[in-house]
């Protein structure tokens, strides 16, 4: 009788231990999922806040070269935050978070950065802010597209197109 009672106490203790371990494992899993969801929400909010500076231009049709230069400078500033960024060689793609600012000048497409040259006939001049101002002063632009990176959700391309002057 004593052995049976002691066996029941031991079995009850083991059962309570298993229940406590199960509850601890469940709480640990639930908390880790909550932390992962919270971190994902924080990342989405940061990407949305980052994107807002660029997305506000999408669809606008009465932009000036100053607006294009502002976006170009924002993109260059963000690109320089990445270690090893090379303005001459690095372009936005699916495996990085670089930002390209693209200008469609008639039938040609140019990526604006400090090391590129201006479109013809000024292709002997660098694409500096001053040279862009001189070439496109008085020209109107449209922001045709703001493309988001498929993985990070951050802006990675902004397209501007010259609006032809009405005759």
N, C-alpha and C. Protein backbone atom coordinates (compact mmCIF):
# COMPACT_ATOMS: atom_id res chain seq x y z
N UNK A 1 0.81 -1.18 0.00
CA UNK A 1 0.00 0.00 0.00
C UNK A 1 0.86 1.25 0.00
N UNK A 2 1.89 1.20 0.85
CA UNK A 2 2.77 2.37 0.91
C UNK A 2 3.47 2.59 -0.42
N UNK A 3 3.90 1.49 -1.07
CA UNK A 3 4.58 1.61 -2.36
C UNK A 3 3.65 2.15 -3.44
N UNK A 4 2.40 1.72 -3.40
CA UNK A 4 1.43 2.19 -4.38
C UNK A 4 1.15 3.67 -4.19
N UNK A 5 1.05 4.11 -2.95
CA UNK A 5 0.79 5.53 -2.67
C UNK A 5 1.99 6.37 -3.10
N UNK A 6 3.18 5.85 -2.81
CA UNK A 6 4.39 6.58 -3.20
C UNK A 6 4.52 6.62 -4.73
N UNK A 7 4.14 5.56 -5.42
CA UNK A 7 4.19 5.52 -6.88
C UNK A 7 3.20 6.54 -7.47
N UNK A 8 2.03 6.65 -6.85
CA UNK A 8 1.05 7.64 -7.31
C UNK A 8 1.57 9.07 -7.11
N UNK A 9 2.25 9.33 -6.01
CA UNK A 9 2.81 10.66 -5.76
C UNK A 9 3.90 10.96 -6.78
N UNK A 10 4.75 9.99 -7.07
CA UNK A 10 5.82 10.19 -8.06
C UNK A 10 5.21 10.42 -9.45
N UNK A 11 4.22 9.62 -9.82
CA UNK A 11 3.56 9.77 -11.12
C UNK A 11 2.88 11.13 -11.22
N UNK A 12 2.25 11.58 -10.14
CA UNK A 12 1.62 12.91 -10.13
C UNK A 12 2.66 14.01 -10.29
N UNK A 13 3.79 13.86 -9.61
CA UNK A 13 4.88 14.84 -9.72
C UNK A 13 5.42 14.90 -11.15
N UNK A 14 5.60 13.74 -11.77
CA UNK A 14 6.07 13.70 -13.16
C UNK A 14 5.04 14.35 -14.08
N UNK A 15 3.78 14.04 -13.86
CA UNK A 15 2.71 14.62 -14.67
C UNK A 15 2.66 16.14 -14.53
N UNK A 16 2.79 16.64 -13.31
CA UNK A 16 2.81 18.09 -13.09
C UNK A 16 4.04 18.71 -13.76
N UNK A 17 5.17 18.03 -13.68
CA UNK A 17 6.39 18.51 -14.34
C UNK A 17 6.21 18.59 -15.85
N UNK A 18 5.60 17.58 -16.44
CA UNK A 18 5.36 17.57 -17.89
C UNK A 18 4.41 18.72 -18.26
N UNK A 19 3.37 18.93 -17.46
CA UNK A 19 2.43 20.02 -17.73
C UNK A 19 3.14 21.37 -17.65
N UNK A 20 3.98 21.56 -16.63
CA UNK A 20 4.71 22.82 -16.48
C UNK A 20 5.68 23.05 -17.64
N UNK A 21 6.38 22.00 -18.06
CA UNK A 21 7.29 22.12 -19.20
C UNK A 21 6.53 22.44 -20.49
N UNK A 22 5.37 21.83 -20.67
CA UNK A 22 4.55 22.10 -21.85
C UNK A 22 4.08 23.56 -21.87
N UNK A 23 3.65 24.06 -20.72
CA UNK A 23 3.22 25.46 -20.62
C UNK A 23 4.39 26.40 -20.91
N UNK A 24 5.57 26.09 -20.38
CA UNK A 24 6.75 26.92 -20.61
C UNK A 24 7.12 26.92 -22.10
N UNK A 25 7.07 25.76 -22.74
CA UNK A 25 7.40 25.68 -24.16
C UNK A 25 6.38 26.46 -24.99
N UNK A 26 5.11 26.34 -24.65
CA UNK A 26 4.06 27.07 -25.36
C UNK A 26 4.25 28.58 -25.21
N UNK A 27 4.53 29.04 -23.98
CA UNK A 27 4.74 30.46 -23.75
C UNK A 27 5.98 30.97 -24.48
N UNK A 28 7.04 30.16 -24.49
CA UNK A 28 8.26 30.55 -25.21
C UNK A 28 8.01 30.70 -26.70
N UNK A 29 7.27 29.76 -27.28
CA UNK A 29 6.94 29.82 -28.70
C UNK A 29 6.06 31.03 -29.01
N UNK A 30 5.06 31.25 -28.18
CA UNK A 30 4.15 32.38 -28.37
C UNK A 30 4.90 33.71 -28.27
N UNK A 31 5.78 33.82 -27.28
CA UNK A 31 6.55 35.06 -27.10
C UNK A 31 7.51 35.29 -28.27
N UNK A 32 8.13 34.24 -28.77
CA UNK A 32 9.06 34.43 -29.90
C UNK A 32 8.30 34.83 -31.16
N UNK A 33 7.12 34.27 -31.38
CA UNK A 33 6.30 34.68 -32.52
C UNK A 33 5.87 36.14 -32.37
N UNK A 34 5.50 36.53 -31.17
CA UNK A 34 5.11 37.92 -30.92
C UNK A 34 6.28 38.86 -31.18
N UNK A 35 7.46 38.48 -30.71
CA UNK A 35 8.65 39.32 -30.94
C UNK A 35 8.97 39.42 -32.43
N UNK A 36 8.87 38.32 -33.15
CA UNK A 36 9.14 38.32 -34.59
C UNK A 36 8.12 39.20 -35.33
N UNK A 37 6.85 39.09 -34.96
CA UNK A 37 5.81 39.91 -35.59
C UNK A 37 6.01 41.39 -35.28
N UNK A 38 6.40 41.69 -34.05
CA UNK A 38 6.65 43.07 -33.66
C UNK A 38 7.83 43.63 -34.44
N UNK A 39 8.89 42.84 -34.58
CA UNK A 39 10.06 43.30 -35.33
C UNK A 39 9.71 43.50 -36.81
N UNK A 40 8.91 42.61 -37.38
CA UNK A 40 8.49 42.76 -38.77
C UNK A 40 7.66 44.03 -38.95
N UNK A 41 6.80 44.34 -37.98
CA UNK A 41 5.99 45.56 -38.05
C UNK A 41 6.88 46.80 -37.95
N UNK A 42 7.88 46.76 -37.09
CA UNK A 42 8.83 47.87 -36.97
C UNK A 42 9.57 48.07 -38.28
N UNK A 43 10.01 46.97 -38.91
CA UNK A 43 10.71 47.06 -40.20
C UNK A 43 9.81 47.65 -41.28
N UNK A 44 8.54 47.24 -41.31
CA UNK A 44 7.60 47.78 -42.29
C UNK A 44 7.38 49.27 -42.07
N UNK A 45 7.26 49.68 -40.81
CA UNK A 45 7.06 51.10 -40.51
C UNK A 45 8.28 51.91 -40.91
N UNK A 46 9.49 51.38 -40.65
CA UNK A 46 10.71 52.08 -41.05
C UNK A 46 10.80 52.20 -42.57
N UNK A 47 10.45 51.14 -43.29
CA UNK A 47 10.48 51.18 -44.75
C UNK A 47 9.45 52.18 -45.28
N UNK A 48 8.27 52.20 -44.69
CA UNK A 48 7.24 53.16 -45.12
C UNK A 48 7.68 54.60 -44.87
N UNK A 49 8.30 54.83 -43.72
CA UNK A 49 8.78 56.17 -43.40
C UNK A 49 9.91 56.57 -44.36
N UNK A 50 10.80 55.63 -44.66
CA UNK A 50 11.89 55.88 -45.61
C UNK A 50 11.32 56.17 -47.00
N UNK A 51 10.37 55.36 -47.44
CA UNK A 51 9.80 55.48 -48.78
C UNK A 51 9.02 56.77 -48.98
N UNK A 52 8.44 57.29 -47.93
CA UNK A 52 7.56 58.45 -48.05
C UNK A 52 8.28 59.63 -48.70
N UNK A 53 9.58 59.78 -48.44
CA UNK A 53 10.34 60.90 -49.01
C UNK A 53 10.40 60.82 -50.53
N UNK A 54 10.29 59.61 -51.08
CA UNK A 54 10.37 59.42 -52.52
C UNK A 54 9.00 59.26 -53.16
N UNK A 55 8.12 58.55 -52.49
CA UNK A 55 6.80 58.25 -53.04
C UNK A 55 5.97 59.51 -53.26
N UNK A 56 6.24 60.54 -52.47
CA UNK A 56 5.44 61.77 -52.61
C UNK A 56 5.59 62.40 -53.99
N UNK A 57 6.62 62.02 -54.75
CA UNK A 57 6.82 62.56 -56.09
C UNK A 57 6.07 61.78 -57.17
N UNK A 58 5.70 60.53 -56.86
CA UNK A 58 5.10 59.66 -57.88
C UNK A 58 3.81 60.26 -58.43
N UNK A 59 3.75 60.31 -59.76
CA UNK A 59 2.56 60.80 -60.44
C UNK A 59 2.51 62.31 -60.61
N UNK A 60 3.41 63.03 -59.97
CA UNK A 60 3.42 64.49 -60.13
C UNK A 60 3.93 64.84 -61.52
N UNK A 61 3.32 65.84 -62.13
CA UNK A 61 3.65 66.16 -63.52
C UNK A 61 4.20 67.56 -63.72
N UNK A 62 4.30 68.35 -62.71
CA UNK A 62 4.77 69.72 -62.88
C UNK A 62 6.06 69.94 -62.10
N UNK A 63 6.95 68.96 -62.18
CA UNK A 63 8.20 69.01 -61.42
C UNK A 63 9.26 69.79 -62.18
N UNK A 64 10.17 70.39 -61.44
CA UNK A 64 11.28 71.12 -62.03
C UNK A 64 12.57 70.32 -61.84
N UNK A 65 13.63 70.82 -62.44
CA UNK A 65 14.92 70.14 -62.28
C UNK A 65 15.37 70.19 -60.82
N UNK A 66 14.94 71.21 -60.08
CA UNK A 66 15.29 71.28 -58.66
C UNK A 66 14.70 70.10 -57.89
N UNK A 67 13.48 69.69 -58.27
CA UNK A 67 12.86 68.52 -57.64
C UNK A 67 13.64 67.25 -57.97
N UNK A 68 14.04 67.12 -59.21
CA UNK A 68 14.81 65.94 -59.64
C UNK A 68 16.15 65.91 -58.90
N UNK A 69 16.80 67.06 -58.77
CA UNK A 69 18.08 67.13 -58.05
C UNK A 69 17.90 66.79 -56.58
N UNK A 70 16.80 67.22 -55.99
CA UNK A 70 16.52 66.89 -54.59
C UNK A 70 16.42 65.38 -54.41
N UNK A 71 15.69 64.72 -55.29
CA UNK A 71 15.56 63.26 -55.21
C UNK A 71 16.91 62.59 -55.46
N UNK A 72 17.65 63.09 -56.44
CA UNK A 72 18.98 62.55 -56.74
C UNK A 72 19.89 62.64 -55.52
N UNK A 73 19.88 63.79 -54.85
CA UNK A 73 20.72 63.97 -53.67
C UNK A 73 20.29 63.08 -52.51
N UNK A 74 18.97 62.92 -52.32
CA UNK A 74 18.47 62.00 -51.29
C UNK A 74 18.94 60.57 -51.56
N UNK A 75 18.83 60.15 -52.82
CA UNK A 75 19.24 58.79 -53.20
C UNK A 75 20.74 58.61 -52.99
N UNK A 76 21.52 59.59 -53.42
CA UNK A 76 22.97 59.49 -53.25
C UNK A 76 23.36 59.44 -51.78
N UNK A 77 22.69 60.24 -50.97
CA UNK A 77 22.93 60.24 -49.52
C UNK A 77 22.65 58.86 -48.92
N UNK A 78 21.54 58.25 -49.33
CA UNK A 78 21.19 56.92 -48.83
C UNK A 78 22.17 55.86 -49.34
N UNK A 79 22.55 55.95 -50.60
CA UNK A 79 23.48 54.98 -51.17
C UNK A 79 24.83 55.02 -50.46
N UNK A 80 25.28 56.20 -50.10
CA UNK A 80 26.59 56.35 -49.44
C UNK A 80 26.61 55.76 -48.04
N UNK A 81 25.45 55.47 -47.49
CA UNK A 81 25.38 54.85 -46.16
C UNK A 81 25.83 53.40 -46.18
N UNK A 82 25.83 52.80 -47.37
CA UNK A 82 26.23 51.40 -47.49
C UNK A 82 27.73 51.30 -47.68
N UNK A 83 28.37 50.49 -46.88
CA UNK A 83 29.81 50.32 -46.96
C UNK A 83 30.20 49.79 -48.34
N UNK A 84 31.19 50.41 -48.94
CA UNK A 84 31.70 49.94 -50.21
C UNK A 84 30.92 50.42 -51.41
N UNK A 85 29.99 51.37 -51.23
CA UNK A 85 29.21 51.85 -52.37
C UNK A 85 30.12 52.56 -53.37
N UNK A 86 29.98 52.19 -54.64
CA UNK A 86 30.75 52.78 -55.72
C UNK A 86 29.77 53.38 -56.72
N UNK A 87 29.69 54.71 -56.74
CA UNK A 87 28.69 55.39 -57.58
C UNK A 87 28.87 55.07 -59.06
N UNK A 88 30.08 54.74 -59.46
CA UNK A 88 30.35 54.47 -60.87
C UNK A 88 29.82 53.10 -61.30
N UNK A 89 29.87 52.13 -60.40
CA UNK A 89 29.55 50.76 -60.79
C UNK A 89 28.28 50.20 -60.16
N UNK A 90 27.92 50.66 -58.98
CA UNK A 90 26.80 50.05 -58.26
C UNK A 90 25.46 50.61 -58.72
N UNK A 91 24.55 49.71 -59.04
CA UNK A 91 23.21 50.06 -59.48
C UNK A 91 22.19 49.30 -58.65
N UNK A 92 21.00 49.84 -58.59
CA UNK A 92 19.93 49.18 -57.85
C UNK A 92 19.60 47.85 -58.50
N UNK A 93 19.41 46.84 -57.67
CA UNK A 93 19.02 45.52 -58.18
C UNK A 93 18.32 44.76 -57.06
N UNK A 94 17.94 43.53 -57.34
CA UNK A 94 17.22 42.73 -56.35
C UNK A 94 18.10 42.25 -55.21
N UNK A 95 19.42 42.38 -55.34
CA UNK A 95 20.29 41.91 -54.26
C UNK A 95 20.92 43.05 -53.47
N UNK A 96 20.42 44.27 -53.65
CA UNK A 96 20.91 45.38 -52.83
C UNK A 96 19.81 46.41 -52.64
N UNK A 97 20.07 47.37 -51.78
CA UNK A 97 19.10 48.42 -51.48
C UNK A 97 19.52 49.77 -52.04
N UNK A 98 20.37 49.77 -53.06
CA UNK A 98 20.76 51.03 -53.68
C UNK A 98 19.55 51.65 -54.37
N UNK A 99 19.63 52.96 -54.58
CA UNK A 99 18.54 53.69 -55.23
C UNK A 99 19.09 54.32 -56.50
N UNK A 100 18.43 54.08 -57.61
CA UNK A 100 18.77 54.73 -58.88
C UNK A 100 17.72 55.78 -59.19
N UNK A 101 18.19 56.96 -59.60
CA UNK A 101 17.31 58.01 -60.09
C UNK A 101 17.52 58.06 -61.60
N UNK A 102 16.45 57.80 -62.34
CA UNK A 102 16.54 57.65 -63.78
C UNK A 102 15.82 58.80 -64.46
N UNK A 103 16.48 59.36 -65.47
CA UNK A 103 15.92 60.46 -66.23
C UNK A 103 15.75 60.02 -67.68
N UNK A 104 14.52 60.08 -68.17
CA UNK A 104 14.24 59.77 -69.57
C UNK A 104 14.26 61.08 -70.34
N UNK A 105 15.28 61.23 -71.17
CA UNK A 105 15.47 62.45 -71.98
C UNK A 105 15.21 62.07 -73.43
N UNK A 106 14.01 62.38 -73.92
CA UNK A 106 13.57 61.98 -75.26
C UNK A 106 13.60 60.46 -75.37
N UNK A 107 14.48 59.88 -76.18
CA UNK A 107 14.51 58.43 -76.35
C UNK A 107 15.59 57.75 -75.53
N UNK A 108 16.36 58.52 -74.77
CA UNK A 108 17.46 57.95 -73.99
C UNK A 108 17.11 57.92 -72.51
N UNK A 109 17.72 56.98 -71.81
CA UNK A 109 17.51 56.82 -70.37
C UNK A 109 18.86 56.96 -69.68
N UNK A 110 18.92 57.80 -68.65
CA UNK A 110 20.16 58.05 -67.94
C UNK A 110 19.96 57.86 -66.45
N UNK A 111 20.96 57.23 -65.83
CA UNK A 111 20.96 57.11 -64.38
C UNK A 111 21.76 58.29 -63.85
N UNK A 112 21.13 59.08 -63.01
CA UNK A 112 21.77 60.29 -62.51
C UNK A 112 22.65 59.98 -61.32
N UNK A 113 23.95 60.23 -61.47
CA UNK A 113 24.85 60.23 -60.33
C UNK A 113 26.01 61.16 -60.66
N UNK A 114 26.80 61.48 -59.67
CA UNK A 114 27.83 62.50 -59.84
C UNK A 114 28.90 62.08 -60.85
N UNK A 115 29.07 60.79 -61.11
CA UNK A 115 30.14 60.34 -61.99
C UNK A 115 29.70 60.15 -63.43
N UNK A 116 28.40 60.21 -63.67
CA UNK A 116 27.89 60.03 -65.03
C UNK A 116 28.05 61.34 -65.80
N UNK A 117 27.83 61.27 -67.10
CA UNK A 117 27.84 62.46 -67.94
C UNK A 117 26.42 62.81 -68.32
N UNK A 118 26.22 64.08 -68.64
CA UNK A 118 24.90 64.54 -69.06
C UNK A 118 24.54 63.93 -70.41
N UNK A 119 23.24 63.87 -70.70
CA UNK A 119 22.80 63.42 -72.02
C UNK A 119 23.32 64.37 -73.10
N UNK A 120 23.35 63.88 -74.32
CA UNK A 120 23.78 64.69 -75.47
C UNK A 120 22.88 65.91 -75.57
N UNK A 121 23.30 67.02 -76.04
CA UNK A 121 24.62 67.31 -76.62
C UNK A 121 25.66 67.69 -75.59
N UNK A 122 25.32 67.63 -74.30
CA UNK A 122 26.25 68.04 -73.26
C UNK A 122 26.96 66.85 -72.62
N UNK A 123 27.16 65.77 -73.38
CA UNK A 123 27.71 64.55 -72.79
C UNK A 123 29.19 64.66 -72.43
N UNK A 124 29.79 65.82 -72.63
CA UNK A 124 31.16 66.04 -72.18
C UNK A 124 31.18 66.64 -70.77
N UNK A 125 30.00 66.92 -70.20
CA UNK A 125 29.90 67.52 -68.87
C UNK A 125 29.42 66.47 -67.87
N UNK A 126 29.96 66.54 -66.65
CA UNK A 126 29.53 65.62 -65.61
C UNK A 126 28.14 65.97 -65.12
N UNK A 127 27.48 64.99 -64.57
CA UNK A 127 26.10 65.12 -64.13
C UNK A 127 26.04 65.74 -62.72
N UNK A 128 26.68 66.88 -62.55
CA UNK A 128 26.65 67.57 -61.27
C UNK A 128 25.34 68.35 -61.16
N UNK A 129 25.04 68.77 -59.96
CA UNK A 129 23.81 69.54 -59.76
C UNK A 129 23.82 70.82 -60.59
N UNK A 130 24.95 71.50 -60.62
CA UNK A 130 25.06 72.75 -61.38
C UNK A 130 24.84 72.51 -62.87
N UNK A 131 25.46 71.47 -63.41
CA UNK A 131 25.29 71.18 -64.84
C UNK A 131 23.86 70.74 -65.16
N UNK A 132 23.24 69.99 -64.25
CA UNK A 132 21.83 69.62 -64.47
C UNK A 132 20.94 70.86 -64.48
N UNK A 133 21.19 71.78 -63.56
CA UNK A 133 20.42 73.03 -63.53
C UNK A 133 20.57 73.81 -64.83
N UNK A 134 21.81 73.91 -65.30
CA UNK A 134 22.05 74.67 -66.53
C UNK A 134 21.37 74.03 -67.73
N UNK A 135 21.39 72.70 -67.80
CA UNK A 135 20.82 72.01 -68.97
C UNK A 135 19.30 72.01 -68.96
N UNK A 136 18.69 71.82 -67.80
CA UNK A 136 17.24 71.59 -67.74
C UNK A 136 16.45 72.71 -67.07
N UNK A 137 17.04 73.87 -66.88
CA UNK A 137 16.32 74.98 -66.27
C UNK A 137 15.12 75.35 -67.15
N UNK A 138 13.95 75.40 -66.55
CA UNK A 138 12.73 75.73 -67.29
C UNK A 138 12.02 74.52 -67.89
N UNK A 139 12.63 73.33 -67.81
CA UNK A 139 12.02 72.11 -68.34
C UNK A 139 11.14 71.50 -67.25
N UNK A 140 10.00 70.95 -67.64
CA UNK A 140 9.10 70.30 -66.70
C UNK A 140 9.27 68.78 -66.78
N UNK A 141 9.13 68.14 -65.63
CA UNK A 141 9.32 66.70 -65.53
C UNK A 141 8.09 66.05 -64.90
N UNK A 142 7.96 64.77 -65.16
CA UNK A 142 6.93 63.94 -64.54
C UNK A 142 7.63 62.77 -63.86
N UNK A 143 7.21 62.46 -62.65
CA UNK A 143 7.72 61.26 -61.98
C UNK A 143 6.81 60.11 -62.40
N UNK A 144 7.32 59.26 -63.29
CA UNK A 144 6.49 58.22 -63.90
C UNK A 144 6.39 56.96 -63.06
N UNK A 145 7.41 56.70 -62.22
CA UNK A 145 7.38 55.45 -61.46
C UNK A 145 8.31 55.53 -60.27
N UNK A 146 7.86 54.96 -59.16
CA UNK A 146 8.71 54.74 -58.00
C UNK A 146 8.64 53.25 -57.72
N UNK A 147 9.75 52.57 -57.93
CA UNK A 147 9.78 51.10 -57.81
C UNK A 147 10.32 50.71 -56.44
N UNK A 148 9.68 49.71 -55.83
CA UNK A 148 10.10 49.21 -54.53
C UNK A 148 10.89 47.93 -54.68
N UNK A 149 11.85 47.74 -53.79
CA UNK A 149 12.64 46.51 -53.76
C UNK A 149 11.72 45.36 -53.37
N UNK A 150 11.80 44.22 -54.08
CA UNK A 150 10.85 43.13 -53.81
C UNK A 150 11.01 42.48 -52.45
N UNK A 151 12.19 42.56 -51.84
CA UNK A 151 12.40 41.91 -50.55
C UNK A 151 12.28 42.90 -49.40
N UNK A 152 13.05 43.99 -49.45
CA UNK A 152 13.07 44.93 -48.33
C UNK A 152 11.87 45.87 -48.33
N UNK A 153 11.23 46.06 -49.49
CA UNK A 153 10.11 46.98 -49.58
C UNK A 153 10.52 48.44 -49.61
N UNK A 154 11.82 48.70 -49.71
CA UNK A 154 12.31 50.08 -49.79
C UNK A 154 12.39 50.53 -51.24
N UNK A 155 12.29 51.83 -51.44
CA UNK A 155 12.40 52.39 -52.78
C UNK A 155 13.76 52.01 -53.36
N UNK A 156 13.76 51.59 -54.65
CA UNK A 156 15.05 51.36 -55.25
C UNK A 156 15.21 51.93 -56.65
N UNK A 157 14.14 52.48 -57.22
CA UNK A 157 14.25 53.20 -58.50
C UNK A 157 13.18 54.29 -58.55
N UNK A 158 13.59 55.45 -59.06
CA UNK A 158 12.68 56.55 -59.28
C UNK A 158 12.89 57.03 -60.70
N UNK A 159 11.83 57.03 -61.50
CA UNK A 159 11.93 57.43 -62.91
C UNK A 159 11.30 58.80 -63.12
N UNK A 160 12.05 59.67 -63.79
CA UNK A 160 11.55 60.98 -64.20
C UNK A 160 11.60 61.04 -65.72
N UNK A 161 10.59 61.68 -66.29
CA UNK A 161 10.51 61.82 -67.73
C UNK A 161 10.25 63.28 -68.06
N UNK A 162 10.93 63.75 -69.11
CA UNK A 162 10.72 65.12 -69.54
C UNK A 162 9.35 65.23 -70.17
N UNK A 163 8.61 66.27 -69.78
CA UNK A 163 7.32 66.55 -70.40
C UNK A 163 7.60 67.45 -71.60
N UNK A 164 7.24 66.97 -72.79
CA UNK A 164 7.50 67.79 -73.99
C UNK A 164 6.77 69.11 -73.91
N UNK A 165 7.45 70.15 -74.39
CA UNK A 165 6.83 71.47 -74.41
C UNK A 165 5.69 71.48 -75.41
N UNK A 166 4.61 72.11 -75.03
CA UNK A 166 3.48 72.21 -75.96
C UNK A 166 3.75 73.28 -76.99
N UNK A 167 3.45 72.97 -78.23
CA UNK A 167 3.71 73.92 -79.31
C UNK A 167 2.62 74.95 -79.43
